[in-house]
Amino acid sequence: ADAPGLQAAVDTLVDAGERALAIEHLSFQGCHGRTRAVGSLPPWTVDCALQPWTEGKPLVAPGALSLSPDGQRVLWGGEIWEVVENSFTPSGLQALFSGRGAPGLSKL
């Protein structure tokens, strides 16, 4: 069954007088994309996102984040993100996030 989307949730919050919470919901970010072969730029392009204006654009600018040596944590925008699942080795993730591209096509 189809569930109401983000717009319906925000509309409901606004109607209930919960404007601040509605604004917090609008800050949700989510996307997925595809990676490209080594040397291809941009290495990761967003192909579907909650914010449609980000589609077709690179996920991150080269140098915008750093990766822990074990590949399990990413520092991005001053926040630490846990890598829950991916199909890359730590060196493959480093290549992806450094802007050099990543080995083969994969999803993260």
Protein backbone atom coordinates (compact mmCIF):
# COMPACT_ATOMS: atom_id res chain seq x y z
CA ALA A 1 0.00 0.00 0.00
CA ASP A 2 1.17 3.52 -0.73
CA ALA A 3 2.02 5.55 2.34
CA PRO A 4 1.62 9.32 2.39
CA GLY A 5 4.82 11.06 1.40
CA LEU A 6 6.87 13.79 2.99
CA GLN A 7 4.65 16.53 1.55
CA ALA A 8 1.58 15.05 3.28
CA ALA A 9 3.46 14.79 6.58
CA VAL A 10 4.61 18.41 6.34
CA ASP A 11 1.11 19.60 5.40
CA THR A 12 -0.34 17.75 8.41
CA LEU A 13 2.22 19.32 10.76
CA VAL A 14 1.56 22.81 9.39
CA ASP A 15 -2.21 22.30 9.73
CA ALA A 16 -1.65 21.24 13.36
CA GLY A 17 0.36 24.40 14.07
CA GLU A 18 3.68 22.50 14.27
CA ARG A 19 5.59 24.78 11.90
CA ALA A 20 9.02 24.24 13.54
CA LEU A 21 8.65 20.46 13.28
CA ALA A 22 7.48 20.80 9.67
CA ILE A 23 10.65 22.76 8.88
CA GLU A 24 12.77 20.05 10.52
CA HIS A 25 11.09 17.46 8.28
CA LEU A 26 11.98 19.56 5.23
CA SER A 27 15.66 19.32 6.18
CA PHE A 28 15.65 15.53 5.57
CA GLN A 29 18.16 14.61 2.91
CA GLY A 30 18.27 11.32 1.11
CA CYS A 31 19.47 10.10 -2.23
CA HIS A 32 21.12 7.30 -4.11
CA GLY A 33 23.34 7.29 -7.10
CA ARG A 34 25.83 5.40 -9.20
CA THR A 35 29.56 5.42 -9.12
CA ARG A 36 31.82 5.45 -12.15
CA ALA A 37 35.12 3.83 -13.05
CA VAL A 38 38.45 5.07 -11.72
CA GLY A 39 39.30 8.49 -13.11
CA SER A 40 35.73 9.32 -14.12
CA LEU A 41 34.49 12.63 -12.80
CA PRO A 42 32.28 13.15 -11.00
CA PRO A 43 32.84 9.76 -9.37
CA TRP A 44 29.37 9.64 -7.78
CA THR A 45 26.32 11.23 -9.39
CA VAL A 46 22.95 11.45 -7.65
CA ASP A 47 20.26 9.77 -9.75
CA CYS A 48 17.27 9.98 -7.35
CA ALA A 49 16.82 12.27 -4.33
CA LEU A 50 14.31 13.80 -1.94
CA GLN A 51 15.60 17.13 -3.25
CA PRO A 52 15.09 16.78 -7.02
CA TRP A 53 17.38 19.73 -7.79
CA THR A 54 20.35 17.57 -6.65
CA GLU A 55 19.67 14.87 -9.25
CA GLY A 56 22.31 14.59 -11.94
CA LYS A 57 24.87 16.41 -9.79
CA PRO A 58 27.89 15.10 -7.86
CA LEU A 59 27.13 13.91 -4.33
CA VAL A 60 30.21 15.57 -2.83
CA ALA A 61 32.93 17.91 -4.01
CA PRO A 62 36.47 16.49 -3.94
CA GLY A 63 38.04 17.10 -0.52
CA ALA A 64 34.68 17.83 1.16
CA LEU A 65 34.88 14.80 3.45
CA SER A 66 37.31 12.38 5.03
CA LEU A 67 37.11 8.65 5.68
CA SER A 68 38.37 6.65 8.67
CA PRO A 69 41.16 4.16 7.82
CA ASP A 70 38.81 1.20 8.32
CA GLY A 71 36.20 2.73 6.00
CA GLN A 72 33.47 2.61 8.66
CA ARG A 73 33.10 6.34 9.38
CA VAL A 74 32.89 9.43 7.20
CA LEU A 75 33.44 12.99 8.43
CA TRP A 76 31.27 15.23 6.25
CA GLY A 77 30.06 18.73 6.98
CA GLY A 78 31.31 18.53 10.56
CA GLU A 79 29.29 15.39 11.29
CA ILE A 80 30.39 11.76 11.60
CA TRP A 81 28.43 9.29 9.49
CA GLU A 82 28.58 5.53 9.98
CA VAL A 83 28.98 3.42 6.83
CA VAL A 84 26.38 0.72 7.37
CA GLU A 85 26.68 -1.19 4.13
CA ASN A 86 28.71 -0.81 0.95
CA SER A 87 30.40 -2.90 -1.72
CA PHE A 88 33.79 -1.14 -1.56
CA THR A 89 37.03 -1.85 0.23
CA PRO A 90 38.30 1.00 2.44
CA SER A 91 40.68 2.02 -0.36
CA GLY A 92 37.80 1.96 -2.87
CA LEU A 93 35.75 4.24 -0.62
CA GLN A 94 38.72 6.56 -0.27
CA ALA A 95 39.05 6.71 -4.05
CA LEU A 96 35.32 7.42 -4.40
CA PHE A 97 35.29 10.22 -1.82
CA SER A 98 38.59 11.74 -2.92
CA GLY A 99 37.25 12.51 -6.39
CA ARG A 100 39.51 10.00 -8.16
CA GLY A 101 36.60 7.69 -8.95
CA ALA A 102 36.06 4.19 -7.65
CA PRO A 103 36.83 0.77 -9.07
CA GLY A 104 33.96 -0.35 -11.28
CA LEU A 105 30.30 0.50 -10.97
CA SER A 106 28.78 -0.07 -7.57
CA LYS A 107 26.13 1.26 -5.24
CA LEU A 108 26.77 2.64 -1.78
